[in-house]
Amino acid sequence: MNIKEWISEYNEEAMMADGFDDAIIGICERFGNEPVVAYDRDKAIEILMEMVAEGHEEDDEDIRDMAEEYFVYNVIGSYVGENTPVFVSLVPWDDIDE
């Protein structure tokens, strides 16, 4: 079974973000809504950073800024209906005080 087949078991209409398969963390479910694909936001940014870095000589901070800007406007900003995927900011448990 591949990732698309696994996702379709939850929702055949669930959309996936092109190029971000390595950032998939699971399925997001809410009452009253169809399940959608959930991505790790930080991993998605890392994927974009790799894309931006190809052919650019900017430093890591500039590359991260460009990837973040692209992500906000072109990924998060691409709502295409109720089956649009979600991007999750994972809790940085190592940095959280108890």
PDB file of N, CA and C in Angstrom:
ATOM      1  N   MET A   1       0.857  -1.179   0.000  1.00  0.00           N
ATOM      2  CA  MET A   1       0.000   0.000   0.000  1.00  0.00           C
ATOM      3  C   MET A   1       0.905   1.245   0.000  1.00  0.00           C
ATOM      4  N   ASN A   2       0.601   2.194  -0.873  1.00  0.00           N
ATOM      5  CA  ASN A   2       1.362   3.434  -0.874  1.00  0.00           C
ATOM      6  C   ASN A   2       0.612   4.506  -0.075  1.00  0.00           C
ATOM      7  N   ILE A   3       1.213   5.672   0.076  1.00  0.00           N
ATOM      8  CA  ILE A   3       0.646   6.724   0.925  1.00  0.00           C
ATOM      9  C   ILE A   3      -0.703   7.207   0.395  1.00  0.00           C
ATOM     10  N   LYS A   4      -0.848   7.318  -0.900  1.00  0.00           N
ATOM     11  CA  LYS A   4      -2.124   7.769  -1.473  1.00  0.00           C
ATOM     12  C   LYS A   4      -3.239   6.768  -1.200  1.00  0.00           C
ATOM     13  N   GLU A   5      -2.916   5.490  -1.285  1.00  0.00           N
ATOM     14  CA  GLU A   5      -3.908   4.467  -0.983  1.00  0.00           C
ATOM     15  C   GLU A   5      -4.306   4.516   0.493  1.00  0.00           C
ATOM     16  N   TRP A   6      -3.324   4.714   1.363  1.00  0.00           N
ATOM     17  CA  TRP A   6      -3.595   4.790   2.795  1.00  0.00           C
ATOM     18  C   TRP A   6      -4.509   5.981   3.104  1.00  0.00           C
ATOM     19  N   ILE A   7      -4.205   7.122   2.521  1.00  0.00           N
ATOM     20  CA  ILE A   7      -5.011   8.328   2.739  1.00  0.00           C
ATOM     21  C   ILE A   7      -6.429   8.126   2.217  1.00  0.00           C
ATOM     22  N   SER A   8      -6.565   7.502   1.061  1.00  0.00           N
ATOM     23  CA  SER A   8      -7.894   7.323   0.465  1.00  0.00           C
ATOM     24  C   SER A   8      -8.795   6.431   1.311  1.00  0.00           C
ATOM     25  N   GLU A   9      -8.225   5.613   2.182  1.00  0.00           N
ATOM     26  CA  GLU A   9      -9.038   4.819   3.095  1.00  0.00           C
ATOM     27  C   GLU A   9      -9.794   5.708   4.082  1.00  0.00           C
ATOM     28  N   TYR A  10      -9.244   6.886   4.349  1.00  0.00           N
ATOM     29  CA  TYR A  10      -9.888   7.851   5.243  1.00  0.00           C
ATOM     30  C   TYR A  10     -10.804   8.793   4.479  1.00  0.00           C
ATOM     31  N   ASN A  11     -10.325   9.265   3.327  1.00  0.00           N
ATOM     32  CA  ASN A  11     -11.090  10.222   2.533  1.00  0.00           C
ATOM     33  C   ASN A  11     -10.568  10.180   1.099  1.00  0.00           C
ATOM     34  N   GLU A  12     -11.372   9.637   0.208  1.00  0.00           N
ATOM     35  CA  GLU A  12     -10.957   9.532  -1.195  1.00  0.00           C
ATOM     36  C   GLU A  12     -10.755  10.888  -1.847  1.00  0.00           C
ATOM     37  N   GLU A  13     -11.365  11.928  -1.277  1.00  0.00           N
ATOM     38  CA  GLU A  13     -11.268  13.274  -1.837  1.00  0.00           C
ATOM     39  C   GLU A  13     -10.178  14.119  -1.173  1.00  0.00           C
ATOM     40  N   ALA A  14      -9.483  13.562  -0.193  1.00  0.00           N
ATOM     41  CA  ALA A  14      -8.434  14.317   0.503  1.00  0.00           C
ATOM     42  C   ALA A  14      -7.366  14.756  -0.487  1.00  0.00           C
ATOM     43  N   MET A  15      -6.969  16.016  -0.380  1.00  0.00           N
ATOM     44  CA  MET A  15      -5.955  16.561  -1.273  1.00  0.00           C
ATOM     45  C   MET A  15      -4.581  16.469  -0.609  1.00  0.00           C
ATOM     46  N   MET A  16      -3.571  16.353  -1.454  1.00  0.00           N
ATOM     47  CA  MET A  16      -2.200  16.325  -0.972  1.00  0.00           C
ATOM     48  C   MET A  16      -1.450  17.503  -1.568  1.00  0.00           C
ATOM     49  N   ALA A  17      -0.505  18.033  -0.803  1.00  0.00           N
ATOM     50  CA  ALA A  17       0.327  19.135  -1.276  1.00  0.00           C
ATOM     51  C   ALA A  17       1.488  18.544  -2.077  1.00  0.00           C
ATOM     52  N   ASP A  18       1.623  18.953  -3.328  1.00  0.00           N
ATOM     53  CA  ASP A  18       2.671  18.425  -4.206  1.00  0.00           C
ATOM     54  C   ASP A  18       4.060  18.657  -3.626  1.00  0.00           C
ATOM     55  N   GLY A  19       4.859  17.609  -3.606  1.00  0.00           N
ATOM     56  CA  GLY A  19       6.248  17.718  -3.194  1.00  0.00           C
ATOM     57  C   GLY A  19       6.489  17.591  -1.697  1.00  0.00           C
ATOM     58  N   PHE A  20       5.437  17.368  -0.927  1.00  0.00           N
ATOM     59  CA  PHE A  20       5.593  17.336   0.523  1.00  0.00           C
ATOM     60  C   PHE A  20       5.303  15.969   1.140  1.00  0.00           C
ATOM     61  N   ASP A  21       5.370  14.904   0.367  1.00  0.00           N
ATOM     62  CA  ASP A  21       5.060  13.573   0.901  1.00  0.00           C
ATOM     63  C   ASP A  21       5.902  13.231   2.135  1.00  0.00           C
ATOM     64  N   ASP A  22       7.172  13.645   2.151  1.00  0.00           N
ATOM     65  CA  ASP A  22       8.039  13.335   3.294  1.00  0.00           C
ATOM     66  C   ASP A  22       7.638  14.072   4.560  1.00  0.00           C
ATOM     67  N   ALA A  23       6.751  15.051   4.451  1.00  0.00           N
ATOM     68  CA  ALA A  23       6.308  15.814   5.620  1.00  0.00           C
ATOM     69  C   ALA A  23       4.968  15.317   6.169  1.00  0.00           C
ATOM     70  N   ILE A  24       4.376  14.312   5.543  1.00  0.00           N
ATOM     71  CA  ILE A  24       3.088  13.795   6.026  1.00  0.00           C
ATOM     72  C   ILE A  24       3.275  13.155   7.398  1.00  0.00           C
ATOM     73  N   ILE A  25       2.416  13.546   8.345  1.00  0.00           N
ATOM     74  CA  ILE A  25       2.464  12.953   9.680  1.00  0.00           C
ATOM     75  C   ILE A  25       1.216  12.148   9.990  1.00  0.00           C
ATOM     76  N   GLY A  26       0.189  12.255   9.156  1.00  0.00           N
ATOM     77  CA  GLY A  26      -1.015  11.480   9.395  1.00  0.00           C
ATOM     78  C   GLY A  26      -2.256  12.121   8.819  1.00  0.00           C
ATOM     79  N   ILE A  27      -3.359  11.822   9.472  1.00  0.00           N
ATOM     80  CA  ILE A  27      -4.674  12.317   9.072  1.00  0.00           C
ATOM     81  C   ILE A  27      -5.235  13.155  10.206  1.00  0.00           C
ATOM     82  N   CYS A  28      -5.863  14.274   9.863  1.00  0.00           N
ATOM     83  CA  CYS A  28      -6.497  15.151  10.846  1.00  0.00           C
ATOM     84  C   CYS A  28      -8.009  14.951  10.757  1.00  0.00           C
ATOM     85  N   GLU A  29      -8.620  14.695  11.906  1.00  0.00           N
ATOM     86  CA  GLU A  29     -10.068  14.488  11.937  1.00  0.00           C
ATOM     87  C   GLU A  29     -10.704  15.466  12.917  1.00  0.00           C
ATOM     88  N   ARG A  30     -11.829  16.049  12.498  1.00  0.00           N
ATOM     89  CA  ARG A  30     -12.619  16.940  13.355  1.00  0.00           C
ATOM     90  C   ARG A  30     -14.084  16.609  13.164  1.00  0.00           C
ATOM     91  N   PHE A  31     -14.841  16.830  14.200  1.00  0.00           N
ATOM     92  CA  PHE A  31     -16.274  16.604  14.132  1.00  0.00           C
ATOM     93  C   PHE A  31     -16.879  17.473  13.036  1.00  0.00           C
ATOM     94  N   GLY A  32     -17.698  16.881  12.200  1.00  0.00           N
ATOM     95  CA  GLY A  32     -18.406  17.620  11.165  1.00  0.00           C
ATOM     96  C   GLY A  32     -17.608  17.868   9.907  1.00  0.00           C
ATOM     97  N   ASN A  33     -16.381  17.364   9.840  1.00  0.00           N
ATOM     98  CA  ASN A  33     -15.530  17.564   8.666  1.00  0.00           C
ATOM     99  C   ASN A  33     -14.955  16.233   8.205  1.00  0.00           C
ATOM    100  N   GLU A  34     -14.665  16.155   6.934  1.00  0.00           N
ATOM    101  CA  GLU A  34     -14.004  14.968   6.407  1.00  0.00           C
ATOM    102  C   GLU A  34     -12.544  14.950   6.885  1.00  0.00           C
ATOM    103  N   PRO A  35     -11.958  13.779   7.068  1.00  0.00           N
ATOM    104  CA  PRO A  35     -10.541  13.706   7.420  1.00  0.00           C
ATOM    105  C   PRO A  35      -9.675  14.309   6.309  1.00  0.00           C
ATOM    106  N   VAL A  36      -8.608  14.984   6.688  1.00  0.00           N
ATOM    107  CA  VAL A  36      -7.685  15.579   5.722  1.00  0.00           C
ATOM    108  C   VAL A  36      -6.251  15.184   6.069  1.00  0.00           C
ATOM    109  N   VAL A  37      -5.376  15.329   5.098  1.00  0.00           N
ATOM    110  CA  VAL A  37      -3.963  15.003   5.292  1.00  0.00           C
ATOM    111  C   VAL A  37      -3.332  16.059   6.199  1.00  0.00           C
ATOM    112  N   ALA A  38      -2.507  15.580   7.145  1.00  0.00           N
ATOM    113  CA  ALA A  38      -1.801  16.473   8.064  1.00  0.00           C
ATOM    114  C   ALA A  38      -0.297  16.395   7.780  1.00  0.00           C
ATOM    115  N   TYR A  39       0.309  17.565   7.692  1.00  0.00           N
ATOM    116  CA  TYR A  39       1.740  17.679   7.416  1.00  0.00           C
ATOM    117  C   TYR A  39       2.443  18.341   8.595  1.00  0.00           C
ATOM    118  N   ASP A  40       3.706  17.996   8.784  1.00  0.00           N
ATOM    119  CA  ASP A  40       4.575  18.668   9.749  1.00  0.00           C
ATOM    120  C   ASP A  40       5.041  19.968   9.097  1.00  0.00           C
ATOM    121  N   ARG A  41       4.650  21.097   9.674  1.00  0.00           N
ATOM    122  CA  ARG A  41       4.970  22.406   9.108  1.00  0.00           C
ATOM    123  C   ARG A  41       6.479  22.607   8.971  1.00  0.00           C
ATOM    124  N   ASP A  42       7.237  22.266  10.022  1.00  0.00           N
ATOM    125  CA  ASP A  42       8.689  22.468   9.982  1.00  0.00           C
ATOM    126  C   ASP A  42       9.353  21.611   8.902  1.00  0.00           C
ATOM    127  N   LYS A  43       8.887  20.390   8.746  1.00  0.00           N
ATOM    128  CA  LYS A  43       9.436  19.521   7.707  1.00  0.00           C
ATOM    129  C   LYS A  43       9.114  20.083   6.321  1.00  0.00           C
ATOM    130  N   ALA A  44       7.927  20.643   6.156  1.00  0.00           N
ATOM    131  CA  ALA A  44       7.566  21.264   4.877  1.00  0.00           C
ATOM    132  C   ALA A  44       8.496  22.440   4.575  1.00  0.00           C
ATOM    133  N   ILE A  45       8.800  23.232   5.595  1.00  0.00           N
ATOM    134  CA  ILE A  45       9.736  24.360   5.412  1.00  0.00           C
ATOM    135  C   ILE A  45      11.114  23.835   5.019  1.00  0.00           C
ATOM    136  N   GLU A  46      11.564  22.751   5.654  1.00  0.00           N
ATOM    137  CA  GLU A  46      12.863  22.156   5.306  1.00  0.00           C
ATOM    138  C   GLU A  46      12.889  21.714   3.848  1.00  0.00           C
ATOM    139  N   ILE A  47      11.807  21.120   3.387  1.00  0.00           N
ATOM    140  CA  ILE A  47      11.718  20.695   1.984  1.00  0.00           C
ATOM    141  C   ILE A  47      11.824  21.907   1.062  1.00  0.00           C
ATOM    142  N   LEU A  48      11.118  22.975   1.410  1.00  0.00           N
ATOM    143  CA  LEU A  48      11.194  24.197   0.602  1.00  0.00           C
ATOM    144  C   LEU A  48      12.589  24.806   0.651  1.00  0.00           C
ATOM    145  N   MET A  49      13.239  24.743   1.806  1.00  0.00           N
ATOM    146  CA  MET A  49      14.600  25.275   1.917  1.00  0.00           C
ATOM    147  C   MET A  49      15.551  24.544   0.969  1.00  0.00           C
ATOM    148  N   GLU A  50      15.386  23.228   0.850  1.00  0.00           N
ATOM    149  CA  GLU A  50      16.215  22.461  -0.078  1.00  0.00           C
ATOM    150  C   GLU A  50      15.967  22.911  -1.509  1.00  0.00           C
ATOM    151  N   MET A  51      14.713  23.186  -1.842  1.00  0.00           N
ATOM    152  CA  MET A  51      14.373  23.643  -3.193  1.00  0.00           C
ATOM    153  C   MET A  51      14.959  25.029  -3.455  1.00  0.00           C
ATOM    154  N   VAL A  52      14.843  25.917  -2.472  1.00  0.00           N
ATOM    155  CA  VAL A  52      15.344  27.285  -2.627  1.00  0.00           C
ATOM    156  C   VAL A  52      16.861  27.293  -2.724  1.00  0.00           C
ATOM    157  N   ALA A  53      17.517  26.429  -1.950  1.00  0.00           N
ATOM    158  CA  ALA A  53      18.980  26.420  -1.885  1.00  0.00           C
ATOM    159  C   ALA A  53      19.621  26.032  -3.221  1.00  0.00           C
ATOM    160  N   GLU A  54      18.922  25.232  -4.001  1.00  0.00           N
ATOM    161  CA  GLU A  54      19.469  24.825  -5.295  1.00  0.00           C
ATOM    162  C   GLU A  54      19.648  26.048  -6.185  1.00  0.00           C
ATOM    163  N   GLY A  55      20.894  26.317  -6.536  1.00  0.00           N
ATOM    164  CA  GLY A  55      21.181  27.422  -7.434  1.00  0.00           C
ATOM    165  C   GLY A  55      21.239  28.786  -6.780  1.00  0.00           C
ATOM    166  N   HIS A  56      21.148  28.858  -5.452  1.00  0.00           N
ATOM    167  CA  HIS A  56      21.247  30.128  -4.750  1.00  0.00           C
ATOM    168  C   HIS A  56      22.449  30.109  -3.819  1.00  0.00           C
ATOM    169  N   GLU A  57      23.032  31.272  -3.624  1.00  0.00           N
ATOM    170  CA  GLU A  57      24.206  31.367  -2.757  1.00  0.00           C
ATOM    171  C   GLU A  57      23.914  32.110  -1.465  1.00  0.00           C
ATOM    172  N   GLU A  58      22.635  32.323  -1.149  1.00  0.00           N
ATOM    173  CA  GLU A  58      22.271  33.009   0.085  1.00  0.00           C
ATOM    174  C   GLU A  58      22.640  32.155   1.285  1.00  0.00           C
ATOM    175  N   ASP A  59      22.760  32.800   2.463  1.00  0.00           N
ATOM    176  CA  ASP A  59      23.047  32.038   3.669  1.00  0.00           C
ATOM    177  C   ASP A  59      21.780  31.345   4.161  1.00  0.00           C
ATOM    178  N   ASP A  60      21.943  30.463   5.145  1.00  0.00           N
ATOM    179  CA  ASP A  60      20.823  29.648   5.630  1.00  0.00           C
ATOM    180  C   ASP A  60      19.652  30.482   6.120  1.00  0.00           C
ATOM    181  N   GLU A  61      19.934  31.593   6.771  1.00  0.00           N
ATOM    182  CA  GLU A  61      18.854  32.437   7.288  1.00  0.00           C
ATOM    183  C   GLU A  61      18.035  33.039   6.148  1.00  0.00           C
ATOM    184  N   ASP A  62      18.709  33.499   5.097  1.00  0.00           N
ATOM    185  CA  ASP A  62      17.995  34.045   3.938  1.00  0.00           C
ATOM    186  C   ASP A  62      17.183  32.962   3.230  1.00  0.00           C
ATOM    187  N   ILE A  63      17.760  31.779   3.118  1.00  0.00           N
ATOM    188  CA  ILE A  63      17.047  30.672   2.482  1.00  0.00           C
ATOM    189  C   ILE A  63      15.815  30.310   3.295  1.00  0.00           C
ATOM    190  N   ARG A  64      15.945  30.269   4.622  1.00  0.00           N
ATOM    191  CA  ARG A  64      14.793  29.971   5.482  1.00  0.00           C
ATOM    192  C   ARG A  64      13.718  31.048   5.313  1.00  0.00           C
ATOM    193  N   ASP A  65      14.126  32.318   5.278  1.00  0.00           N
ATOM    194  CA  ASP A  65      13.162  33.408   5.098  1.00  0.00           C
ATOM    195  C   ASP A  65      12.414  33.273   3.769  1.00  0.00           C
ATOM    196  N   MET A  66      13.138  32.936   2.703  1.00  0.00           N
ATOM    197  CA  MET A  66      12.497  32.769   1.401  1.00  0.00           C
ATOM    198  C   MET A  66      11.536  31.578   1.420  1.00  0.00           C
ATOM    199  N   ALA A  67      11.940  30.489   2.059  1.00  0.00           N
ATOM    200  CA  ALA A  67      11.083  29.309   2.148  1.00  0.00           C
ATOM    201  C   ALA A  67       9.828  29.612   2.968  1.00  0.00           C
ATOM    202  N   GLU A  68       9.987  30.325   4.085  1.00  0.00           N
ATOM    203  CA  GLU A  68       8.841  30.699   4.930  1.00  0.00           C
ATOM    204  C   GLU A  68       7.868  31.579   4.148  1.00  0.00           C
ATOM    205  N   GLU A  69       8.402  32.560   3.432  1.00  0.00           N
ATOM    206  CA  GLU A  69       7.551  33.462   2.659  1.00  0.00           C
ATOM    207  C   GLU A  69       6.777  32.684   1.589  1.00  0.00           C
ATOM    208  N   TYR A  70       7.467  31.810   0.887  1.00  0.00           N
ATOM    209  CA  TYR A  70       6.807  30.988  -0.130  1.00  0.00           C
ATOM    210  C   TYR A  70       5.722  30.129   0.521  1.00  0.00           C
ATOM    211  N   PHE A  71       6.046  29.522   1.653  1.00  0.00           N
ATOM    212  CA  PHE A  71       5.108  28.650   2.358  1.00  0.00           C
ATOM    213  C   PHE A  71       3.835  29.400   2.738  1.00  0.00           C
ATOM    214  N   VAL A  72       3.980  30.575   3.321  1.00  0.00           N
ATOM    215  CA  VAL A  72       2.820  31.350   3.774  1.00  0.00           C
ATOM    216  C   VAL A  72       1.925  31.738   2.607  1.00  0.00           C
ATOM    217  N   TYR A  73       2.514  32.220   1.536  1.00  0.00           N
ATOM    218  CA  TYR A  73       1.706  32.727   0.427  1.00  0.00           C
ATOM    219  C   TYR A  73       1.233  31.656  -0.549  1.00  0.00           C
ATOM    220  N   ASN A  74       2.048  30.634  -0.759  1.00  0.00           N
ATOM    221  CA  ASN A  74       1.727  29.666  -1.807  1.00  0.00           C
ATOM    222  C   ASN A  74       1.250  28.309  -1.314  1.00  0.00           C
ATOM    223  N   VAL A  75       1.527  27.987  -0.068  1.00  0.00           N
ATOM    224  CA  VAL A  75       1.088  26.695   0.460  1.00  0.00           C
ATOM    225  C   VAL A  75      -0.089  26.910   1.402  1.00  0.00           C
ATOM    226  N   ILE A  76       0.131  27.597   2.502  1.00  0.00           N
ATOM    227  CA  ILE A  76      -0.965  27.898   3.435  1.00  0.00           C
ATOM    228  C   ILE A  76      -2.031  28.739   2.734  1.00  0.00           C
ATOM    229  N   GLY A  77      -1.601  29.625   1.871  1.00  0.00           N
ATOM    230  CA  GLY A  77      -2.531  30.508   1.170  1.00  0.00           C
ATOM    231  C   GLY A  77      -3.293  29.849   0.038  1.00  0.00           C
ATOM    232  N   SER A  78      -3.144  28.545  -0.116  1.00  0.00           N
ATOM    233  CA  SER A  78      -3.797  27.835  -1.215  1.00  0.00           C
ATOM    234  C   SER A  78      -4.972  26.996  -0.728  1.00  0.00           C
ATOM    235  N   TYR A  79      -5.907  27.606  -0.049  1.00  0.00           N
ATOM    236  CA  TYR A  79      -7.094  26.888   0.393  1.00  0.00           C
ATOM    237  C   TYR A  79      -7.949  26.562  -0.825  1.00  0.00           C
ATOM    238  N   VAL A  80      -8.269  25.288  -1.000  1.00  0.00           N
ATOM    239  CA  VAL A  80      -9.051  24.877  -2.165  1.00  0.00           C
ATOM    240  C   VAL A  80     -10.278  24.053  -1.768  1.00  0.00           C
ATOM    241  N   GLY A  81     -10.791  24.300  -0.593  1.00  0.00           N
ATOM    242  CA  GLY A  81     -12.002  23.619  -0.161  1.00  0.00           C
ATOM    243  C   GLY A  81     -11.795  22.757   1.067  1.00  0.00           C
ATOM    244  N   GLU A  82     -12.879  22.072   1.428  1.00  0.00           N
ATOM    245  CA  GLU A  82     -12.883  21.330   2.692  1.00  0.00           C
ATOM    246  C   GLU A  82     -11.889  20.180   2.754  1.00  0.00           C
ATOM    247  N   ASN A  83     -11.351  19.740   1.640  1.00  0.00           N
ATOM    248  CA  ASN A  83     -10.382  18.648   1.626  1.00  0.00           C
ATOM    249  C   ASN A  83      -8.939  19.127   1.582  1.00  0.00           C
ATOM    250  N   THR A  84      -8.738  20.431   1.739  1.00  0.00           N
ATOM    251  CA  THR A  84      -7.398  21.023   1.762  1.00  0.00           C
ATOM    252  C   THR A  84      -6.626  20.469   2.956  1.00  0.00           C
ATOM    253  N   PRO A  85      -5.362  20.104   2.768  1.00  0.00           N
ATOM    254  CA  PRO A  85      -4.581  19.581   3.891  1.00  0.00           C
ATOM    255  C   PRO A  85      -4.299  20.645   4.953  1.00  0.00           C
ATOM    256  N   VAL A  86      -3.866  20.173   6.120  1.00  0.00           N
ATOM    257  CA  VAL A  86      -3.496  21.061   7.214  1.00  0.00           C
ATOM    258  C   VAL A  86      -2.005  20.892   7.496  1.00  0.00           C
ATOM    259  N   PHE A  87      -1.413  21.936   8.060  1.00  0.00           N
ATOM    260  CA  PHE A  87       0.001  21.916   8.436  1.00  0.00           C
ATOM    261  C   PHE A  87       0.078  22.151   9.934  1.00  0.00           C
ATOM    262  N   VAL A  88       0.726  21.219  10.635  1.00  0.00           N
ATOM    263  CA  VAL A  88       0.755  21.203  12.091  1.00  0.00           C
ATOM    264  C   VAL A  88       2.109  21.671  12.591  1.00  0.00           C
ATOM    265  N   SER A  89       2.075  22.595  13.559  1.00  0.00           N
ATOM    266  CA  SER A  89       3.292  22.979  14.269  1.00  0.00           C
ATOM    267  C   SER A  89       3.386  22.070  15.491  1.00  0.00           C
ATOM    268  N   LEU A  90       4.375  21.196  15.483  1.00  0.00           N
ATOM    269  CA  LEU A  90       4.527  20.235  16.566  1.00  0.00           C
ATOM    270  C   LEU A  90       5.079  20.922  17.815  1.00  0.00           C
ATOM    271  N   VAL A  91       4.640  20.476  18.968  1.00  0.00           N
ATOM    272  CA  VAL A  91       5.120  21.030  20.235  1.00  0.00           C
ATOM    273  C   VAL A  91       6.595  20.653  20.407  1.00  0.00           C
ATOM    274  N   PRO A  92       7.455  21.638  20.659  1.00  0.00           N
ATOM    275  CA  PRO A  92       8.877  21.339  20.885  1.00  0.00           C
ATOM    276  C   PRO A  92       9.094  20.897  22.331  1.00  0.00           C
ATOM    277  N   TRP A  93       8.711  19.676  22.654  1.00  0.00           N
ATOM    278  CA  TRP A  93       8.713  19.199  24.038  1.00  0.00           C
ATOM    279  C   TRP A  93      10.048  19.383  24.744  1.00  0.00           C
ATOM    280  N   ASP A  94      11.150  19.304  24.018  1.00  0.00           N
ATOM    281  CA  ASP A  94      12.456  19.478  24.656  1.00  0.00           C
ATOM    282  C   ASP A  94      12.657  20.905  25.167  1.00  0.00           C
ATOM    283  N   ASP A  95      11.915  21.858  24.604  1.00  0.00           N
ATOM    284  CA  ASP A  95      12.058  23.263  24.996  1.00  0.00           C
ATOM    285  C   ASP A  95      10.970  23.745  25.944  1.00  0.00           C
ATOM    286  N   ILE A  96      10.037  22.869  26.308  1.00  0.00           N
ATOM    287  CA  ILE A  96       8.902  23.260  27.155  1.00  0.00           C
ATOM    288  C   ILE A  96       9.214  22.960  28.617  1.00  0.00           C
ATOM    289  N   ASP A  97       9.012  23.968  29.471  1.00  0.00           N
ATOM    290  CA  ASP A  97       9.184  23.778  30.901  1.00  0.00           C
ATOM    291  C   ASP A  97       7.988  23.057  31.471  1.00  0.00           C
ATOM    292  N   GLU A  98       8.236  22.179  32.420  1.00  0.00           N
ATOM    293  CA  GLU A  98       7.120  21.441  33.035  1.00  0.00           C
ATOM    294  C   GLU A  98       6.579  22.152  34.233  1.00  0.00           C
TER     295      GLU A  98
END
